[in-house]
């Protein structure tokens, strides 16, 4: 497809890439999956309905997948399972990276450290020596366009800059899999748009596999190669869309708006179905 074409390939239940529970499947002949979730269910309280039920999802190496759905549908629970923070009640979770990198809505930076010091924490956890840590932290801050902010304390950084530091810290974990739980939700629209550009660039340069949770459907279409819709009560994958729009994209572009509107309509139907 030429770069000036804007097309979208909707995956429906009839498509062979979508199985009975909306299973995401890597293309035939692709390398081993970066993430594979098989028949995963999660129950936190005995006698209560499962939070997740029979979830199947495959993320290919270097793929950017966005999860959307109503509040309480289990998106963050699924991300926690991928991170190894909890174990599934049933089913199997496989992640190619030994330790996936994590990024959350709150940057969770240590206020008494500089931007560089916060990035160095992740490097120190990997056993990187002091001199190497400083050089690598400086390099990673440069990757997220904060080369001149290494000595600044957290209170001197804007919200967008703090999230860039958090992204640099995540990259410092040297993982091929990056898990992101609504990292830009608390930012203003202009800052969020700038960070969309930064993340898309870093993803391409670092060849990361990204699983990105968001409530913002336009954000999902703006960033992802695939958008996966989760239903509620219990959480299941009900449908997915392949996004065949060239990067860089914008929130306002016609292709993004068109597909986001379609996904939003399906999300509203899913919410109405369960009375959320």
C-alpha atoms as a PDB file:
ATOM      1  CA  UNK A   1       0.000   0.000   0.000  1.00  0.00           C
ATOM      2  CA  UNK A   2       1.364   3.415  -0.919  1.00  0.00           C
ATOM      3  CA  UNK A   3       1.872   5.899   1.897  1.00  0.00           C
ATOM      4  CA  UNK A   4      -0.858   8.216   0.622  1.00  0.00           C
ATOM      5  CA  UNK A   5      -3.561   5.554   0.858  1.00  0.00           C
ATOM      6  CA  UNK A   6      -5.731   5.453   3.956  1.00  0.00           C
ATOM      7  CA  UNK A   7      -7.517   2.136   4.298  1.00  0.00           C
ATOM      8  CA  UNK A   8      -8.786   0.049   7.169  1.00  0.00           C
ATOM      9  CA  UNK A   9      -9.232  -3.701   7.310  1.00  0.00           C
ATOM     10  CA  UNK A  10     -12.064  -4.563   9.701  1.00  0.00           C
ATOM     11  CA  UNK A  11     -11.791  -8.033  11.210  1.00  0.00           C
ATOM     12  CA  UNK A  12     -15.156  -9.609  11.876  1.00  0.00           C
ATOM     13  CA  UNK A  13     -16.241 -12.904  13.364  1.00  0.00           C
ATOM     14  CA  UNK A  14     -16.298 -14.377   9.832  1.00  0.00           C
ATOM     15  CA  UNK A  15     -12.665 -13.497   9.217  1.00  0.00           C
ATOM     16  CA  UNK A  16     -10.292 -16.451   9.758  1.00  0.00           C
ATOM     17  CA  UNK A  17      -8.084 -14.235  11.913  1.00  0.00           C
ATOM     18  CA  UNK A  18     -10.862 -13.909  14.486  1.00  0.00           C
ATOM     19  CA  UNK A  19     -11.728 -17.091  16.365  1.00  0.00           C
ATOM     20  CA  UNK A  20     -14.853 -17.945  18.353  1.00  0.00           C
ATOM     21  CA  UNK A  21     -13.944 -15.675  21.281  1.00  0.00           C
ATOM     22  CA  UNK A  22     -12.334 -12.952  19.188  1.00  0.00           C
ATOM     23  CA  UNK A  23      -8.904 -14.537  19.408  1.00  0.00           C
ATOM     24  CA  UNK A  24      -6.098 -12.355  18.070  1.00  0.00           C
ATOM     25  CA  UNK A  25      -3.759 -14.489  15.978  1.00  0.00           C
ATOM     26  CA  UNK A  26      -0.403 -13.613  14.518  1.00  0.00           C
ATOM     27  CA  UNK A  27      -0.202 -13.925  10.736  1.00  0.00           C
ATOM     28  CA  UNK A  28       0.766 -17.291   9.348  1.00  0.00           C
ATOM     29  CA  UNK A  29       4.510 -17.734   9.026  1.00  0.00           C
ATOM     30  CA  UNK A  30       5.256 -14.970  11.554  1.00  0.00           C
ATOM     31  CA  UNK A  31       7.925 -15.422  14.258  1.00  0.00           C
ATOM     32  CA  UNK A  32       7.044 -16.759  17.699  1.00  0.00           C
ATOM     33  CA  UNK A  33       4.538 -14.547  19.509  1.00  0.00           C
ATOM     34  CA  UNK A  34       5.695 -11.778  21.824  1.00  0.00           C
ATOM     35  CA  UNK A  35       2.541 -12.308  23.901  1.00  0.00           C
ATOM     36  CA  UNK A  36       0.184 -15.273  23.873  1.00  0.00           C
ATOM     37  CA  UNK A  37      -2.885 -15.569  26.114  1.00  0.00           C
ATOM     38  CA  UNK A  38      -4.755 -18.861  25.839  1.00  0.00           C
ATOM     39  CA  UNK A  39      -8.124 -19.545  27.460  1.00  0.00           C
ATOM     40  CA  UNK A  40      -7.404 -17.239  30.389  1.00  0.00           C
ATOM     41  CA  UNK A  41      -9.999 -16.738  33.110  1.00  0.00           C
ATOM     42  CA  UNK A  42      -9.614 -14.738  36.305  1.00  0.00           C
ATOM     43  CA  UNK A  43     -11.704 -14.977  39.467  1.00  0.00           C
ATOM     44  CA  UNK A  44     -10.817 -12.857  42.487  1.00  0.00           C
ATOM     45  CA  UNK A  45     -13.623 -13.905  44.858  1.00  0.00           C
ATOM     46  CA  UNK A  46     -15.124 -17.348  45.138  1.00  0.00           C
ATOM     47  CA  UNK A  47     -18.795 -17.322  44.239  1.00  0.00           C
ATOM     48  CA  UNK A  48     -18.450 -14.076  42.282  1.00  0.00           C
ATOM     49  CA  UNK A  49     -18.574 -13.830  38.456  1.00  0.00           C
ATOM     50  CA  UNK A  50     -15.173 -14.061  36.758  1.00  0.00           C
ATOM     51  CA  UNK A  51     -13.451 -10.816  35.802  1.00  0.00           C
ATOM     52  CA  UNK A  52     -12.066 -12.506  32.683  1.00  0.00           C
ATOM     53  CA  UNK A  53     -13.455 -15.572  30.963  1.00  0.00           C
ATOM     54  CA  UNK A  54     -11.797 -17.541  28.178  1.00  0.00           C
ATOM     55  CA  UNK A  55      -9.614 -14.737  26.842  1.00  0.00           C
ATOM     56  CA  UNK A  56      -7.403 -15.554  23.840  1.00  0.00           C
ATOM     57  CA  UNK A  57      -4.977 -12.982  22.448  1.00  0.00           C
ATOM     58  CA  UNK A  58      -1.766 -13.135  20.450  1.00  0.00           C
ATOM     59  CA  UNK A  59       0.586 -10.194  19.910  1.00  0.00           C
ATOM     60  CA  UNK A  60       3.281 -10.590  17.273  1.00  0.00           C
ATOM     61  CA  UNK A  61       6.853  -9.316  17.772  1.00  0.00           C
ATOM     62  CA  UNK A  62       6.975  -5.602  17.047  1.00  0.00           C
ATOM     63  CA  UNK A  63       3.181  -5.259  17.004  1.00  0.00           C
ATOM     64  CA  UNK A  64       1.290  -2.389  18.670  1.00  0.00           C
ATOM     65  CA  UNK A  65      -2.050  -3.606  20.052  1.00  0.00           C
ATOM     66  CA  UNK A  66      -4.555  -1.379  21.860  1.00  0.00           C
ATOM     67  CA  UNK A  67      -7.203  -2.715  24.246  1.00  0.00           C
ATOM     68  CA  UNK A  68     -10.443  -0.732  24.614  1.00  0.00           C
ATOM     69  CA  UNK A  69     -13.642  -1.392  26.513  1.00  0.00           C
ATOM     70  CA  UNK A  70     -15.953  -0.094  29.210  1.00  0.00           C
ATOM     71  CA  UNK A  71     -14.703   0.526  32.741  1.00  0.00           C
ATOM     72  CA  UNK A  72     -14.472  -2.704  34.679  1.00  0.00           C
ATOM     73  CA  UNK A  73     -14.222  -4.977  31.636  1.00  0.00           C
ATOM     74  CA  UNK A  74     -10.887  -6.400  32.757  1.00  0.00           C
ATOM     75  CA  UNK A  75      -8.400  -4.478  30.574  1.00  0.00           C
ATOM     76  CA  UNK A  76      -6.081  -3.628  33.463  1.00  0.00           C
ATOM     77  CA  UNK A  77      -6.491  -7.112  34.940  1.00  0.00           C
ATOM     78  CA  UNK A  78      -5.332  -8.591  31.645  1.00  0.00           C
ATOM     79  CA  UNK A  79      -2.362  -6.223  31.609  1.00  0.00           C
ATOM     80  CA  UNK A  80      -1.451  -7.261  35.172  1.00  0.00           C
ATOM     81  CA  UNK A  81      -1.534 -10.899  34.079  1.00  0.00           C
ATOM     82  CA  UNK A  82       0.833 -10.114  31.212  1.00  0.00           C
ATOM     83  CA  UNK A  83       3.128  -8.323  33.644  1.00  0.00           C
ATOM     84  CA  UNK A  84       3.181 -11.344  35.940  1.00  0.00           C
ATOM     85  CA  UNK A  85       1.755  -9.320  38.834  1.00  0.00           C
ATOM     86  CA  UNK A  86      -1.029 -11.894  39.278  1.00  0.00           C
ATOM     87  CA  UNK A  87      -1.497 -15.468  38.094  1.00  0.00           C
ATOM     88  CA  UNK A  88      -4.539 -16.533  36.067  1.00  0.00           C
ATOM     89  CA  UNK A  89      -7.193 -18.695  37.681  1.00  0.00           C
ATOM     90  CA  UNK A  90      -7.250 -20.771  34.483  1.00  0.00           C
ATOM     91  CA  UNK A  91      -5.496 -20.732  31.143  1.00  0.00           C
ATOM     92  CA  UNK A  92      -1.983 -19.810  30.089  1.00  0.00           C
ATOM     93  CA  UNK A  93      -0.079 -16.554  29.693  1.00  0.00           C
ATOM     94  CA  UNK A  94       3.177 -16.515  27.734  1.00  0.00           C
ATOM     95  CA  UNK A  95       5.362 -13.434  27.285  1.00  0.00           C
ATOM     96  CA  UNK A  96       8.594 -13.644  25.302  1.00  0.00           C
ATOM     97  CA  UNK A  97      10.339 -11.056  27.490  1.00  0.00           C
ATOM     98  CA  UNK A  98      11.465 -12.276  30.901  1.00  0.00           C
ATOM     99  CA  UNK A  99      10.362  -8.980  32.461  1.00  0.00           C
ATOM    100  CA  UNK A 100       7.944  -6.829  30.452  1.00  0.00           C
ATOM    101  CA  UNK A 101       8.395  -3.093  30.914  1.00  0.00           C
ATOM    102  CA  UNK A 102       5.497  -1.259  32.560  1.00  0.00           C
ATOM    103  CA  UNK A 103       4.133   2.259  32.256  1.00  0.00           C
ATOM    104  CA  UNK A 104       1.061   3.555  34.083  1.00  0.00           C
ATOM    105  CA  UNK A 105      -1.150   6.655  34.149  1.00  0.00           C
ATOM    106  CA  UNK A 106       0.866   8.049  37.053  1.00  0.00           C
ATOM    107  CA  UNK A 107       4.581   8.402  36.251  1.00  0.00           C
ATOM    108  CA  UNK A 108       5.471   7.393  39.856  1.00  0.00           C
ATOM    109  CA  UNK A 109       8.795   9.226  39.800  1.00  0.00           C
ATOM    110  CA  UNK A 110      10.775   9.620  43.013  1.00  0.00           C
ATOM    111  CA  UNK A 111      10.644  13.358  43.779  1.00  0.00           C
ATOM    112  CA  UNK A 112      14.023  13.523  45.518  1.00  0.00           C
ATOM    113  CA  UNK A 113      15.806  12.233  42.412  1.00  0.00           C
ATOM    114  CA  UNK A 114      16.560  14.002  39.148  1.00  0.00           C
ATOM    115  CA  UNK A 115      15.094  12.862  35.849  1.00  0.00           C
ATOM    116  CA  UNK A 116      18.342  11.028  35.168  1.00  0.00           C
ATOM    117  CA  UNK A 117      18.308   9.487  38.643  1.00  0.00           C
ATOM    118  CA  UNK A 118      14.827   8.062  38.087  1.00  0.00           C
ATOM    119  CA  UNK A 119      15.911   6.426  34.849  1.00  0.00           C
ATOM    120  CA  UNK A 120      19.061   5.121  36.497  1.00  0.00           C
ATOM    121  CA  UNK A 121      16.959   3.239  39.061  1.00  0.00           C
ATOM    122  CA  UNK A 122      15.824   0.776  36.392  1.00  0.00           C
ATOM    123  CA  UNK A 123      19.384   0.408  35.148  1.00  0.00           C
ATOM    124  CA  UNK A 124      20.637  -0.203  38.671  1.00  0.00           C
ATOM    125  CA  UNK A 125      18.036  -2.947  39.104  1.00  0.00           C
ATOM    126  CA  UNK A 126      19.556  -4.636  36.040  1.00  0.00           C
ATOM    127  CA  UNK A 127      23.016  -4.493  37.595  1.00  0.00           C
ATOM    128  CA  UNK A 128      24.417  -1.820  35.289  1.00  0.00           C
ATOM    129  CA  UNK A 129      27.509  -0.104  36.719  1.00  0.00           C
ATOM    130  CA  UNK A 130      27.484   3.531  37.875  1.00  0.00           C
ATOM    131  CA  UNK A 131      29.408   5.059  34.951  1.00  0.00           C
ATOM    132  CA  UNK A 132      27.450   3.049  32.395  1.00  0.00           C
ATOM    133  CA  UNK A 133      24.202   3.975  34.157  1.00  0.00           C
ATOM    134  CA  UNK A 134      24.806   7.684  33.747  1.00  0.00           C
ATOM    135  CA  UNK A 135      25.688   7.361  30.084  1.00  0.00           C
ATOM    136  CA  UNK A 136      22.727   5.079  29.318  1.00  0.00           C
ATOM    137  CA  UNK A 137      20.282   7.288  31.250  1.00  0.00           C
ATOM    138  CA  UNK A 138      21.478  10.277  29.222  1.00  0.00           C
ATOM    139  CA  UNK A 139      21.024   8.301  26.003  1.00  0.00           C
ATOM    140  CA  UNK A 140      17.496   7.205  26.919  1.00  0.00           C
ATOM    141  CA  UNK A 141      16.459  10.714  27.911  1.00  0.00           C
ATOM    142  CA  UNK A 142      17.697  11.766  24.495  1.00  0.00           C
ATOM    143  CA  UNK A 143      15.515   9.072  22.906  1.00  0.00           C
ATOM    144  CA  UNK A 144      12.426  10.697  24.476  1.00  0.00           C
ATOM    145  CA  UNK A 145      13.640  14.222  23.610  1.00  0.00           C
ATOM    146  CA  UNK A 146      14.667  15.186  27.150  1.00  0.00           C
ATOM    147  CA  UNK A 147      18.408  15.376  26.592  1.00  0.00           C
ATOM    148  CA  UNK A 148      18.657  18.704  28.469  1.00  0.00           C
ATOM    149  CA  UNK A 149      16.448  17.719  31.414  1.00  0.00           C
ATOM    150  CA  UNK A 150      18.586  15.073  33.096  1.00  0.00           C
ATOM    151  CA  UNK A 151      19.485  17.258  36.078  1.00  0.00           C
ATOM    152  CA  UNK A 152      15.988  18.585  36.699  1.00  0.00           C
ATOM    153  CA  UNK A 153      14.012  17.472  39.749  1.00  0.00           C
ATOM    154  CA  UNK A 154      10.511  16.110  39.363  1.00  0.00           C
ATOM    155  CA  UNK A 155       8.848  19.333  40.539  1.00  0.00           C
ATOM    156  CA  UNK A 156      10.599  21.176  37.705  1.00  0.00           C
ATOM    157  CA  UNK A 157       9.058  18.927  35.053  1.00  0.00           C
ATOM    158  CA  UNK A 158       5.695  19.373  33.358  1.00  0.00           C
ATOM    159  CA  UNK A 159       3.204  16.511  33.246  1.00  0.00           C
ATOM    160  CA  UNK A 160       4.271  15.601  29.734  1.00  0.00           C
ATOM    161  CA  UNK A 161       7.952  15.683  30.671  1.00  0.00           C
ATOM    162  CA  UNK A 162       7.298  13.425  33.648  1.00  0.00           C
ATOM    163  CA  UNK A 163       5.629  10.871  31.388  1.00  0.00           C
ATOM    164  CA  UNK A 164       8.603  11.046  29.030  1.00  0.00           C
ATOM    165  CA  UNK A 165      10.886  10.278  31.953  1.00  0.00           C
ATOM    166  CA  UNK A 166       8.604   7.366  32.852  1.00  0.00           C
ATOM    167  CA  UNK A 167       8.870   6.123  29.263  1.00  0.00           C
ATOM    168  CA  UNK A 168      12.664   6.427  29.368  1.00  0.00           C
ATOM    169  CA  UNK A 169      12.658   4.464  32.643  1.00  0.00           C
ATOM    170  CA  UNK A 170      10.509   1.785  31.010  1.00  0.00           C
ATOM    171  CA  UNK A 171      12.943   1.582  28.092  1.00  0.00           C
ATOM    172  CA  UNK A 172      15.782   1.260  30.598  1.00  0.00           C
ATOM    173  CA  UNK A 173      14.356  -2.118  31.571  1.00  0.00           C
ATOM    174  CA  UNK A 174      15.657  -3.319  28.180  1.00  0.00           C
ATOM    175  CA  UNK A 175      12.546  -5.369  27.473  1.00  0.00           C
ATOM    176  CA  UNK A 176      11.125  -6.150  24.054  1.00  0.00           C
ATOM    177  CA  UNK A 177       7.566  -5.975  25.466  1.00  0.00           C
ATOM    178  CA  UNK A 178       6.079  -2.718  26.771  1.00  0.00           C
ATOM    179  CA  UNK A 179       2.797  -2.756  28.716  1.00  0.00           C
ATOM    180  CA  UNK A 180       1.032   0.614  29.036  1.00  0.00           C
ATOM    181  CA  UNK A 181      -2.042   1.266  31.197  1.00  0.00           C
ATOM    182  CA  UNK A 182      -3.651   4.580  30.154  1.00  0.00           C
ATOM    183  CA  UNK A 183      -0.316   6.427  30.353  1.00  0.00           C
ATOM    184  CA  UNK A 184      -1.617   9.662  28.776  1.00  0.00           C
ATOM    185  CA  UNK A 185      -5.118   9.817  30.292  1.00  0.00           C
ATOM    186  CA  UNK A 186      -4.319  12.628  32.742  1.00  0.00           C
ATOM    187  CA  UNK A 187      -2.607  14.886  30.195  1.00  0.00           C
ATOM    188  CA  UNK A 188      -4.090  17.785  28.270  1.00  0.00           C
ATOM    189  CA  UNK A 189      -4.940  17.235  24.606  1.00  0.00           C
ATOM    190  CA  UNK A 190      -1.936  19.097  23.174  1.00  0.00           C
ATOM    191  CA  UNK A 191       0.587  17.315  25.410  1.00  0.00           C
ATOM    192  CA  UNK A 192      -1.095  13.986  24.716  1.00  0.00           C
ATOM    193  CA  UNK A 193      -0.818  14.546  20.970  1.00  0.00           C
ATOM    194  CA  UNK A 194       2.889  15.331  21.263  1.00  0.00           C
ATOM    195  CA  UNK A 195       3.460  12.160  23.284  1.00  0.00           C
ATOM    196  CA  UNK A 196       1.517  10.121  20.727  1.00  0.00           C
ATOM    197  CA  UNK A 197       4.102  11.210  18.170  1.00  0.00           C
ATOM    198  CA  UNK A 198       6.961  10.419  20.542  1.00  0.00           C
ATOM    199  CA  UNK A 199       5.613   6.982  21.408  1.00  0.00           C
ATOM    200  CA  UNK A 200       4.999   6.057  17.762  1.00  0.00           C
ATOM    201  CA  UNK A 201       8.557   7.075  16.927  1.00  0.00           C
ATOM    202  CA  UNK A 202      10.112   5.220  19.877  1.00  0.00           C
ATOM    203  CA  UNK A 203       8.034   2.102  19.143  1.00  0.00           C
ATOM    204  CA  UNK A 204       9.280   2.022  15.554  1.00  0.00           C
ATOM    205  CA  UNK A 205      12.895   2.775  16.445  1.00  0.00           C
ATOM    206  CA  UNK A 206      13.098   0.296  19.327  1.00  0.00           C
ATOM    207  CA  UNK A 207      11.023  -2.409  17.554  1.00  0.00           C
ATOM    208  CA  UNK A 208       8.919  -2.978  20.651  1.00  0.00           C
ATOM    209  CA  UNK A 209       5.842  -5.113  21.124  1.00  0.00           C
ATOM    210  CA  UNK A 210       3.300  -2.838  22.841  1.00  0.00           C
ATOM    211  CA  UNK A 211       0.040  -3.647  24.611  1.00  0.00           C
ATOM    212  CA  UNK A 212      -1.682  -0.323  25.309  1.00  0.00           C
ATOM    213  CA  UNK A 213      -4.831   0.000  27.453  1.00  0.00           C
ATOM    214  CA  UNK A 214      -7.024   3.062  26.901  1.00  0.00           C
ATOM    215  CA  UNK A 215     -10.605   4.315  27.222  1.00  0.00           C
ATOM    216  CA  UNK A 216      -9.976   6.709  24.333  1.00  0.00           C
ATOM    217  CA  UNK A 217     -10.990   4.992  21.089  1.00  0.00           C
ATOM    218  CA  UNK A 218      -9.433   7.684  18.906  1.00  0.00           C
ATOM    219  CA  UNK A 219      -6.172   7.298  20.795  1.00  0.00           C
ATOM    220  CA  UNK A 220      -6.292   3.545  20.146  1.00  0.00           C
ATOM    221  CA  UNK A 221      -6.776   4.039  16.399  1.00  0.00           C
ATOM    222  CA  UNK A 222      -4.177   6.828  16.364  1.00  0.00           C
ATOM    223  CA  UNK A 223      -1.514   4.540  17.846  1.00  0.00           C
ATOM    224  CA  UNK A 224      -2.331   0.898  17.256  1.00  0.00           C
ATOM    225  CA  UNK A 225      -1.864  -1.570  14.452  1.00  0.00           C
ATOM    226  CA  UNK A 226      -4.746  -3.508  15.947  1.00  0.00           C
ATOM    227  CA  UNK A 227      -7.593  -2.409  18.219  1.00  0.00           C
ATOM    228  CA  UNK A 228      -9.158  -5.099  20.416  1.00  0.00           C
ATOM    229  CA  UNK A 229     -12.573  -4.510  21.998  1.00  0.00           C
ATOM    230  CA  UNK A 230     -13.312  -6.188  25.320  1.00  0.00           C
ATOM    231  CA  UNK A 231     -16.820  -6.888  26.573  1.00  0.00           C
ATOM    232  CA  UNK A 232     -17.903  -6.940  30.205  1.00  0.00           C
ATOM    233  CA  UNK A 233     -19.397  -9.277  32.792  1.00  0.00           C
ATOM    234  CA  UNK A 234     -17.263 -11.276  32.308  1.00  0.00           C
ATOM    235  CA  UNK A 235     -14.408  -9.721  30.365  1.00  0.00           C
ATOM    236  CA  UNK A 236     -14.032 -11.272  26.930  1.00  0.00           C
ATOM    237  CA  UNK A 237     -12.567 -10.197  23.635  1.00  0.00           C
ATOM    238  CA  UNK A 238     -15.563  -9.629  21.397  1.00  0.00           C
ATOM    239  CA  UNK A 239     -14.128  -8.039  18.275  1.00  0.00           C
ATOM    240  CA  UNK A 240     -10.967  -6.575  16.797  1.00  0.00           C
ATOM    241  CA  UNK A 241      -9.985  -4.262  13.965  1.00  0.00           C
ATOM    242  CA  UNK A 242      -6.738  -4.119  12.017  1.00  0.00           C
ATOM    243  CA  UNK A 243      -5.650  -0.508  11.493  1.00  0.00           C
ATOM    244  CA  UNK A 244      -4.013  -0.130   8.094  1.00  0.00           C
ATOM    245  CA  UNK A 245      -3.238   3.574   8.234  1.00  0.00           C
ATOM    246  CA  UNK A 246       0.309   4.859   7.679  1.00  0.00           C
ATOM    247  CA  UNK A 247       2.184   6.541  10.517  1.00  0.00           C
ATOM    248  CA  UNK A 248       2.463   9.271  11.544  1.00  0.00           C
ATOM    249  CA  UNK A 249      -1.280   9.629  12.073  1.00  0.00           C
ATOM    250  CA  UNK A 250      -3.262  12.358  13.768  1.00  0.00           C
ATOM    251  CA  UNK A 251      -6.356  12.208  15.928  1.00  0.00           C
ATOM    252  CA  UNK A 252      -8.131  14.461  13.431  1.00  0.00           C
ATOM    253  CA  UNK A 253      -7.302  12.524  10.242  1.00  0.00           C
ATOM    254  CA  UNK A 254     -10.256  11.190   8.255  1.00  0.00           C
ATOM    255  CA  UNK A 255      -9.172   7.558   8.451  1.00  0.00           C
ATOM    256  CA  UNK A 256      -8.724   7.683  12.218  1.00  0.00           C
ATOM    257  CA  UNK A 257     -12.063   9.429  12.731  1.00  0.00           C
ATOM    258  CA  UNK A 258     -13.937   6.977  10.514  1.00  0.00           C
ATOM    259  CA  UNK A 259     -12.623   3.840  12.182  1.00  0.00           C
ATOM    260  CA  UNK A 260     -12.895   5.333  15.669  1.00  0.00           C
ATOM    261  CA  UNK A 261     -16.574   6.084  15.016  1.00  0.00           C
ATOM    262  CA  UNK A 262     -17.186   2.475  13.972  1.00  0.00           C
ATOM    263  CA  UNK A 263     -15.435   1.080  17.041  1.00  0.00           C
ATOM    264  CA  UNK A 264     -17.289   3.524  19.305  1.00  0.00           C
ATOM    265  CA  UNK A 265     -20.630   2.367  17.921  1.00  0.00           C
ATOM    266  CA  UNK A 266     -19.686  -1.236  18.651  1.00  0.00           C
ATOM    267  CA  UNK A 267     -18.517  -0.253  22.140  1.00  0.00           C
ATOM    268  CA  UNK A 268     -21.848   1.471  22.836  1.00  0.00           C
ATOM    269  CA  UNK A 269     -23.724  -1.634  21.690  1.00  0.00           C
ATOM    270  CA  UNK A 270     -21.605  -3.745  24.011  1.00  0.00           C
ATOM    271  CA  UNK A 271     -22.220  -1.399  26.944  1.00  0.00           C
ATOM    272  CA  UNK A 272     -25.973  -1.388  26.269  1.00  0.00           C
ATOM    273  CA  UNK A 273     -26.006  -5.159  26.056  1.00  0.00           C
ATOM    274  CA  UNK A 274     -24.656  -5.449  29.594  1.00  0.00           C
ATOM    275  CA  UNK A 275     -26.269  -2.347  31.086  1.00  0.00           C
ATOM    276  CA  UNK A 276     -22.940  -0.772  32.127  1.00  0.00           C
END
